[in-house]
């Protein structure tokens, strides 16, 4: 019976080892994570956990007893030093863990501001780990001044929590509009209006020249020369795949750890899933950063590590909670040339098309549009844009058209 080692104890790693046991694998399983905590959910970090609405125990994907009962060794708080592909061993300090099959679910790392512009000053944070949020939470107090660098979903979620905490909040975004990389102008307009109504100062087309301070950050000089007083800086300028281990052992890298459609890397005994993995998709390659992908891809890889020979076909979906607004996204909008709007005001959805092909839907407080759109994508159907825009259309009828 093979020994399987999984490096990366996030959503993908936890899903992969659980699936192996569910499929009846009886060999030794070792799950290795850098952080001291058991595998936990990351999305609530920038929302409910930062607000203090949920404690750490409620973030755990599974209790410690699950791993014990399923004979899964979980090693926490220990980064892997290297992978010895020739000897088929994972090296942690003076410990060498043999493997027959290895999975890399190392996830992603947040991009940071350069130290040269003050990115290493105390009071400057990214939002990726429990430790990040535990360190910033004491600064989230009424009257404090927060600068959010980056107008993507992570930045806007952090801005919402800061504002709900009574802080003065400024968001700076270098691009012409917030959410420019991931959403339509219509979706950007919706969330700009939402944050502005809540009292957030959004500066688009504005960069950060430098941060200033000594023992703690005290100010930010913007690209136009204006200096803002700040008490805390939240950096949300994207993430990068965590590929250092894969690079060091000379696996093929292509916008992440390159895998085939089954999740196998350039080494036939090493697999990969989650944020760090790039895989074939519609004639190209893609890397998806979402909880849904981490779970689905990891479970597919678990099957394939046991010989299923199954290609991974994603049906992407995402979500974001900001104030009382729930955004749900189904599909990938890349390449769209037309937006169809359904509804208005608080409950609105934007449907993305490329010609007649339906690509994705952004749904704000409109669960029905999200669910129908998601189902249409899974069925491969292209709904009539005019029917979507017509408020008299019962959306469920589109599933039967």
Protein backbone atom coordinates (compact mmCIF):
# COMPACT_ATOMS: atom_id res chain seq x y z
CA UNK A 1 0.00 0.00 0.00
CA UNK A 2 1.34 3.42 -0.97
CA UNK A 3 2.36 6.19 1.41
CA UNK A 4 0.78 9.48 0.39
CA UNK A 5 2.12 12.84 1.58
CA UNK A 6 0.20 16.09 1.04
CA UNK A 7 2.05 19.39 1.43
CA UNK A 8 -0.26 22.31 2.16
CA UNK A 9 -2.90 22.11 4.89
CA UNK A 10 -5.49 24.48 3.50
CA UNK A 11 -8.86 23.81 1.90
CA UNK A 12 -7.41 21.73 -0.95
CA UNK A 13 -5.10 19.66 1.24
CA UNK A 14 -7.80 18.93 3.80
CA UNK A 15 -10.28 18.00 1.06
CA UNK A 16 -7.77 15.72 -0.65
CA UNK A 17 -6.88 13.65 2.43
CA UNK A 18 -10.53 13.35 3.46
CA UNK A 19 -11.46 12.13 -0.02
CA UNK A 20 -8.66 9.54 -0.02
CA UNK A 21 -10.07 7.97 3.12
CA UNK A 22 -13.65 8.22 1.84
CA UNK A 23 -12.55 6.31 -1.28
CA UNK A 24 -11.20 3.52 0.92
CA UNK A 25 -7.47 4.22 0.73
CA UNK A 26 -5.87 2.40 3.65
CA UNK A 27 -2.21 3.43 3.31
CA UNK A 28 -0.38 6.03 5.37
CA UNK A 29 -1.44 9.66 4.86
CA UNK A 30 0.58 12.62 6.08
CA UNK A 31 -0.71 16.19 5.77
CA UNK A 32 1.87 18.94 6.31
CA UNK A 33 1.07 22.61 6.96
CA UNK A 34 3.23 25.67 7.67
CA UNK A 35 0.72 27.28 9.98
CA UNK A 36 0.30 26.09 13.59
CA UNK A 37 -3.46 25.62 13.24
CA UNK A 38 -5.45 22.72 11.82
CA UNK A 39 -6.85 23.31 8.30
CA UNK A 40 -9.36 26.16 8.42
CA UNK A 41 -11.64 28.26 6.23
CA UNK A 42 -10.01 31.40 4.85
CA UNK A 43 -13.01 33.38 3.48
CA UNK A 44 -14.36 34.34 6.94
CA UNK A 45 -10.99 35.80 7.94
CA UNK A 46 -11.65 39.14 6.26
CA UNK A 47 -15.28 39.18 7.36
CA UNK A 48 -16.84 37.34 10.33
CA UNK A 49 -13.56 36.44 12.06
CA UNK A 50 -12.14 39.96 11.80
CA UNK A 51 -15.44 41.33 13.13
CA UNK A 52 -15.25 38.94 16.08
CA UNK A 53 -18.49 37.19 15.08
CA UNK A 54 -16.86 33.74 14.95
CA UNK A 55 -14.00 32.25 16.95
CA UNK A 56 -11.06 30.23 15.68
CA UNK A 57 -12.61 26.86 16.54
CA UNK A 58 -15.50 27.55 14.19
CA UNK A 59 -13.11 28.13 11.31
CA UNK A 60 -11.68 24.61 11.43
CA UNK A 61 -12.76 22.53 8.44
CA UNK A 62 -12.80 19.42 10.64
CA UNK A 63 -12.05 18.82 14.32
CA UNK A 64 -8.80 17.18 15.43
CA UNK A 65 -10.76 14.00 16.15
CA UNK A 66 -11.51 13.54 12.44
CA UNK A 67 -7.84 13.21 11.55
CA UNK A 68 -7.19 10.91 14.50
CA UNK A 69 -10.15 8.67 13.72
CA UNK A 70 -9.13 8.45 10.07
CA UNK A 71 -5.46 7.78 10.83
CA UNK A 72 -4.26 10.94 9.08
CA UNK A 73 -1.07 12.38 10.53
CA UNK A 74 -1.28 16.16 10.53
CA UNK A 75 1.99 18.05 10.97
CA UNK A 76 1.37 21.74 11.68
CA UNK A 77 3.69 24.69 12.16
CA UNK A 78 6.48 23.15 10.09
CA UNK A 79 7.47 24.40 6.65
CA UNK A 80 8.93 21.82 4.29
CA UNK A 81 12.61 22.41 3.58
CA UNK A 82 12.77 20.48 0.33
CA UNK A 83 11.41 17.64 -1.78
CA UNK A 84 13.90 14.95 -2.73
CA UNK A 85 12.34 13.59 -5.92
CA UNK A 86 15.12 11.07 -6.47
CA UNK A 87 14.83 9.58 -3.01
CA UNK A 88 11.05 10.22 -2.89
CA UNK A 89 11.25 11.96 0.48
CA UNK A 90 9.93 15.17 1.98
CA UNK A 91 12.46 16.83 4.27
CA UNK A 92 11.43 18.84 7.35
CA UNK A 93 14.42 19.77 9.46
CA UNK A 94 16.03 16.51 10.54
CA UNK A 95 12.96 14.47 9.61
CA UNK A 96 12.62 12.69 6.28
CA UNK A 97 9.14 11.48 5.31
CA UNK A 98 9.03 8.92 2.50
CA UNK A 99 6.29 8.99 -0.10
CA UNK A 100 5.08 6.86 -2.96
CA UNK A 101 2.79 9.63 -4.15
CA UNK A 102 2.96 13.29 -3.26
CA UNK A 103 0.40 16.10 -3.65
CA UNK A 104 1.22 19.79 -3.59
CA UNK A 105 -1.69 21.89 -2.32
CA UNK A 106 0.49 24.80 -1.25
CA UNK A 107 -2.09 27.44 -2.16
CA UNK A 108 -1.08 31.04 -2.70
CA UNK A 109 0.72 33.89 -1.01
CA UNK A 110 -0.37 37.52 -0.85
CA UNK A 111 1.54 40.10 -2.80
CA UNK A 112 3.14 42.63 -0.48
CA UNK A 113 4.19 46.23 -0.82
CA UNK A 114 7.94 46.73 -1.29
CA UNK A 115 9.94 47.53 1.82
CA UNK A 116 11.42 50.46 -0.12
CA UNK A 117 8.08 52.29 0.10
CA UNK A 118 7.34 51.34 3.70
CA UNK A 119 5.65 48.01 3.10
CA UNK A 120 7.42 46.47 6.09
CA UNK A 121 6.30 49.10 8.62
CA UNK A 122 4.37 47.87 11.67
CA UNK A 123 0.68 48.39 11.06
CA UNK A 124 0.80 47.24 7.43
CA UNK A 125 -1.05 43.96 6.86
CA UNK A 126 -2.15 41.46 4.27
CA UNK A 127 -5.26 39.33 4.85
CA UNK A 128 -4.35 35.69 4.32
CA UNK A 129 -3.78 33.85 7.59
CA UNK A 130 -5.14 33.65 11.11
CA UNK A 131 -1.96 35.33 12.29
CA UNK A 132 -2.54 38.24 9.89
CA UNK A 133 -6.02 38.89 11.20
CA UNK A 134 -5.12 38.31 14.86
CA UNK A 135 -2.41 40.97 14.49
CA UNK A 136 -4.62 43.58 12.83
CA UNK A 137 -7.81 43.06 14.85
CA UNK A 138 -6.75 45.23 17.83
CA UNK A 139 -6.36 48.18 15.46
CA UNK A 140 -9.90 47.85 14.10
CA UNK A 141 -11.46 50.34 16.50
CA UNK A 142 -13.88 53.23 16.11
CA UNK A 143 -12.20 56.44 15.00
CA UNK A 144 -9.05 54.78 13.68
CA UNK A 145 -8.03 55.57 10.10
CA UNK A 146 -7.59 52.72 7.63
CA UNK A 147 -6.04 52.78 4.19
CA UNK A 148 -6.91 49.86 1.91
CA UNK A 149 -4.48 49.43 -0.98
CA UNK A 150 -6.24 47.59 -3.81
CA UNK A 151 -9.88 47.65 -4.86
CA UNK A 152 -10.40 43.93 -5.47
CA UNK A 153 -12.72 41.69 -3.49
CA UNK A 154 -10.34 41.15 -0.56
CA UNK A 155 -9.68 44.87 -0.26
CA UNK A 156 -13.35 45.77 -0.44
CA UNK A 157 -14.30 43.12 2.11
CA UNK A 158 -11.69 44.48 4.50
CA UNK A 159 -12.93 48.01 3.83
CA UNK A 160 -16.47 46.94 4.71
CA UNK A 161 -15.38 45.41 8.02
CA UNK A 162 -13.27 48.46 8.87
CA UNK A 163 -16.20 50.77 8.16
CA UNK A 164 -18.59 48.61 10.19
CA UNK A 165 -16.06 48.89 13.03
CA UNK A 166 -16.45 52.68 12.92
CA UNK A 167 -13.15 53.42 11.20
CA UNK A 168 -12.47 56.12 8.64
CA UNK A 169 -11.66 54.21 5.45
CA UNK A 170 -9.93 55.19 2.22
CA UNK A 171 -9.49 52.74 -0.66
CA UNK A 172 -6.87 53.46 -3.32
CA UNK A 173 -6.94 51.58 -6.61
CA UNK A 174 -4.35 52.16 -9.35
CA UNK A 175 -6.67 50.99 -12.13
CA UNK A 176 -9.39 53.19 -13.57
CA UNK A 177 -12.01 51.44 -11.48
CA UNK A 178 -12.34 49.03 -8.57
CA UNK A 179 -12.75 45.35 -9.52
CA UNK A 180 -11.42 46.15 -13.00
CA UNK A 181 -9.55 42.83 -13.34
CA UNK A 182 -12.44 40.62 -12.30
CA UNK A 183 -15.75 42.29 -13.09
CA UNK A 184 -17.72 44.47 -15.49
CA UNK A 185 -18.02 48.25 -15.15
CA UNK A 186 -21.61 47.65 -14.05
CA UNK A 187 -20.49 45.52 -11.09
CA UNK A 188 -17.81 48.07 -10.27
CA UNK A 189 -20.44 50.83 -10.28
CA UNK A 190 -22.67 48.81 -7.95
CA UNK A 191 -19.96 48.31 -5.33
CA UNK A 192 -18.57 51.81 -5.65
CA UNK A 193 -22.02 53.17 -4.87
CA UNK A 194 -22.44 50.73 -1.97
CA UNK A 195 -19.14 51.69 -0.33
CA UNK A 196 -19.59 55.38 -0.97
CA UNK A 197 -23.03 55.26 0.65
CA UNK A 198 -21.42 53.63 3.69
CA UNK A 199 -18.88 56.44 3.96
CA UNK A 200 -15.82 54.89 2.33
CA UNK A 201 -13.59 57.27 0.36
CA UNK A 202 -12.73 55.44 -2.88
CA UNK A 203 -9.84 56.82 -4.96
CA UNK A 204 -9.63 55.20 -8.40
CA UNK A 205 -6.73 55.81 -10.75
CA UNK A 206 -4.66 56.51 -7.66
CA UNK A 207 -1.49 54.76 -6.61
CA UNK A 208 0.56 54.69 -3.46
CA UNK A 209 3.87 56.56 -3.53
CA UNK A 210 5.06 55.56 -0.06
CA UNK A 211 4.08 54.88 3.53
CA UNK A 212 5.64 56.88 6.33
CA UNK A 213 6.22 56.27 10.02
CA UNK A 214 8.75 55.01 12.54
CA UNK A 215 7.66 52.43 15.12
CA UNK A 216 4.30 52.27 13.33
CA UNK A 217 2.79 53.48 10.07
CA UNK A 218 1.41 57.01 10.46
CA UNK A 219 0.76 58.22 6.95
CA UNK A 220 0.51 57.45 3.26
CA UNK A 221 1.68 59.60 0.36
CA UNK A 222 -0.52 58.98 -2.68
CA UNK A 223 0.61 59.12 -6.30
CA UNK A 224 -0.66 62.68 -6.70
CA UNK A 225 1.37 63.85 -3.71
CA UNK A 226 -1.44 64.04 -1.15
CA UNK A 227 -0.54 62.70 2.31
CA UNK A 228 -3.18 60.93 4.38
CA UNK A 229 -2.86 60.21 8.11
CA UNK A 230 -3.37 56.47 8.70
CA UNK A 231 -3.34 54.08 11.67
CA UNK A 232 -3.55 50.82 9.75
CA UNK A 233 -2.91 49.75 6.14
CA UNK A 234 -4.54 46.69 4.57
CA UNK A 235 -2.86 45.48 1.39
CA UNK A 236 -5.10 43.67 -1.09
CA UNK A 237 -3.14 43.71 -4.33
CA UNK A 238 -3.59 40.09 -5.30
CA UNK A 239 -2.02 36.74 -4.63
CA UNK A 240 0.59 34.59 -6.34
CA UNK A 241 0.75 30.79 -6.50
CA UNK A 242 3.00 29.27 -3.82
CA UNK A 243 5.48 27.51 -6.10
CA UNK A 244 8.80 27.77 -4.25
CA UNK A 245 8.97 24.07 -3.33
CA UNK A 246 7.90 22.99 -6.81
CA UNK A 247 10.49 25.26 -8.43
CA UNK A 248 13.23 24.05 -6.11
CA UNK A 249 12.64 20.43 -7.11
CA UNK A 250 12.43 21.45 -10.77
CA UNK A 251 8.82 20.70 -11.57
CA UNK A 252 7.48 22.51 -14.64
CA UNK A 253 5.97 25.88 -13.74
CA UNK A 254 3.45 27.75 -15.91
CA UNK A 255 1.45 30.35 -14.00
CA UNK A 256 1.54 27.95 -11.10
CA UNK A 257 2.48 24.29 -10.88
CA UNK A 258 1.75 22.88 -14.33
CA UNK A 259 -0.49 19.82 -14.30
CA UNK A 260 -2.29 17.71 -16.86
CA UNK A 261 -6.07 17.45 -16.93
CA UNK A 262 -5.97 14.86 -14.15
CA UNK A 263 -3.80 16.95 -11.82
CA UNK A 264 -0.48 15.18 -12.41
CA UNK A 265 2.62 17.39 -12.55
CA UNK A 266 5.71 16.84 -14.72
CA UNK A 267 6.69 14.13 -12.21
CA UNK A 268 4.30 11.19 -12.55
CA UNK A 269 4.30 10.61 -8.78
CA UNK A 270 3.58 14.24 -7.83
CA UNK A 271 0.15 15.85 -8.13
CA UNK A 272 -1.22 19.31 -7.46
CA UNK A 273 -4.54 21.03 -6.76
CA UNK A 274 -5.94 24.35 -5.58
CA UNK A 275 -4.67 27.92 -5.97
CA UNK A 276 -1.14 26.78 -6.84
CA UNK A 277 -2.07 24.51 -9.77
CA UNK A 278 -2.54 25.47 -13.41
CA UNK A 279 -4.41 23.02 -15.63
CA UNK A 280 -5.81 22.67 -19.17
CA UNK A 281 -9.08 24.50 -19.81
CA UNK A 282 -10.88 25.15 -23.11
CA UNK A 283 -7.76 24.95 -25.23
CA UNK A 284 -5.60 27.01 -22.89
CA UNK A 285 -4.49 26.87 -19.28
CA UNK A 286 -6.07 28.34 -16.19
CA UNK A 287 -5.44 28.69 -12.48
CA UNK A 288 -8.48 29.25 -10.26
CA UNK A 289 -8.41 30.95 -6.87
CA UNK A 290 -11.56 29.85 -5.07
CA UNK A 291 -12.83 27.57 -2.32
CA UNK A 292 -14.98 25.69 -4.82
CA UNK A 293 -12.02 24.91 -7.06
CA UNK A 294 -9.81 23.92 -4.13
CA UNK A 295 -12.39 21.36 -3.00
CA UNK A 296 -13.49 20.00 -6.38
CA UNK A 297 -10.04 19.79 -7.90
CA UNK A 298 -8.52 18.23 -4.79
CA UNK A 299 -11.22 15.56 -4.67
CA UNK A 300 -10.69 14.80 -8.36
CA UNK A 301 -6.93 14.53 -7.78
CA UNK A 302 -7.55 12.16 -4.87
CA UNK A 303 -9.52 9.90 -7.20
CA UNK A 304 -6.78 10.05 -9.82
CA UNK A 305 -4.02 9.30 -7.32
CA UNK A 306 -5.91 6.05 -6.78
CA UNK A 307 -6.12 5.35 -10.51
CA UNK A 308 -9.47 6.82 -11.63
CA UNK A 309 -8.04 8.53 -14.74
CA UNK A 310 -10.65 11.28 -14.52
CA UNK A 311 -10.24 14.71 -16.14
CA UNK A 312 -11.07 17.71 -14.00
CA UNK A 313 -13.74 19.96 -15.52
CA UNK A 314 -14.44 23.04 -13.37
CA UNK A 315 -17.74 24.88 -13.02
CA UNK A 316 -16.42 27.94 -11.22
CA UNK A 317 -18.39 29.87 -8.65
CA UNK A 318 -17.36 32.53 -6.16
CA UNK A 319 -18.87 34.80 -3.54
CA UNK A 320 -18.17 37.96 -1.56
CA UNK A 321 -19.95 39.44 1.45
CA UNK A 322 -19.72 43.22 1.91
CA UNK A 323 -21.90 44.88 4.57
CA UNK A 324 -25.29 43.20 4.13
CA UNK A 325 -24.74 42.64 0.42
CA UNK A 326 -24.14 39.11 -0.85
CA UNK A 327 -22.42 38.83 -4.22
CA UNK A 328 -22.58 35.42 -5.89
CA UNK A 329 -20.74 34.71 -9.14
CA UNK A 330 -21.12 31.73 -11.45
CA UNK A 331 -18.81 31.14 -14.40
CA UNK A 332 -15.84 33.05 -15.79
CA UNK A 333 -16.47 36.35 -17.56
CA UNK A 334 -13.17 36.48 -19.49
CA UNK A 335 -13.70 37.62 -23.07
CA UNK A 336 -17.22 38.97 -22.67
CA UNK A 337 -18.50 41.58 -25.12
CA UNK A 338 -22.00 42.20 -23.78
CA UNK A 339 -23.64 42.72 -20.40
CA UNK A 340 -27.34 42.07 -19.81
CA UNK A 341 -28.83 43.59 -16.67
CA UNK A 342 -31.69 42.07 -14.73
CA UNK A 343 -33.31 43.98 -11.90
CA UNK A 344 -32.14 47.24 -10.38
CA UNK A 345 -31.09 48.72 -7.08
CA UNK A 346 -30.32 46.37 -4.19
CA UNK A 347 -31.23 43.13 -6.00
CA UNK A 348 -29.48 43.16 -9.38
CA UNK A 349 -27.68 40.73 -11.62
CA UNK A 350 -25.33 41.24 -14.55
CA UNK A 351 -25.14 38.48 -17.16
CA UNK A 352 -22.01 38.17 -19.32
CA UNK A 353 -22.15 37.10 -22.96
CA UNK A 354 -19.64 36.65 -25.75
CA UNK A 355 -21.79 36.87 -28.85
CA UNK A 356 -24.60 34.42 -28.09
CA UNK A 357 -22.51 32.41 -25.64
CA UNK A 358 -23.43 32.78 -21.98
CA UNK A 359 -20.27 33.05 -19.85
CA UNK A 360 -21.08 34.14 -16.31
CA UNK A 361 -23.40 35.99 -13.98
CA UNK A 362 -22.73 38.43 -11.11
CA UNK A 363 -25.67 38.37 -8.73
CA UNK A 364 -26.12 40.88 -5.92
CA UNK A 365 -28.76 39.86 -3.38
CA UNK A 366 -30.48 37.83 -6.09
CA UNK A 367 -29.99 34.16 -5.28
CA UNK A 368 -32.42 33.01 -7.97
CA UNK A 369 -30.41 34.60 -10.79
CA UNK A 370 -27.26 33.02 -9.39
CA UNK A 371 -28.76 29.55 -9.07
CA UNK A 372 -30.37 29.61 -12.53
CA UNK A 373 -27.24 31.06 -14.13
CA UNK A 374 -25.05 28.41 -12.47
CA UNK A 375 -27.36 25.65 -13.66
CA UNK A 376 -27.43 27.03 -17.22
CA UNK A 377 -23.63 26.99 -17.30
CA UNK A 378 -23.52 23.41 -16.03
CA UNK A 379 -26.04 22.40 -18.71
CA UNK A 380 -24.13 24.24 -21.45
CA UNK A 381 -27.17 26.32 -22.37
CA UNK A 382 -27.16 29.82 -23.82
CA UNK A 383 -30.25 31.70 -22.63
CA UNK A 384 -32.01 34.43 -24.60
CA UNK A 385 -30.57 37.78 -23.42
CA UNK A 386 -33.86 39.55 -24.04
CA UNK A 387 -35.69 37.05 -21.84
CA UNK A 388 -33.18 37.64 -19.04
CA UNK A 389 -33.59 41.41 -19.21
CA UNK A 390 -37.41 41.12 -19.16
CA UNK A 391 -38.54 41.36 -15.51
CA UNK A 392 -41.67 39.37 -16.43
CA UNK A 393 -39.60 36.31 -17.35
CA UNK A 394 -39.71 33.50 -14.84
CA UNK A 395 -36.05 32.52 -14.81
CA UNK A 396 -36.70 28.83 -14.29
CA UNK A 397 -38.27 28.65 -17.72
CA UNK A 398 -34.81 29.32 -19.21
CA UNK A 399 -33.69 25.92 -17.95
CA UNK A 400 -36.31 24.22 -20.12
CA UNK A 401 -35.84 26.33 -23.23
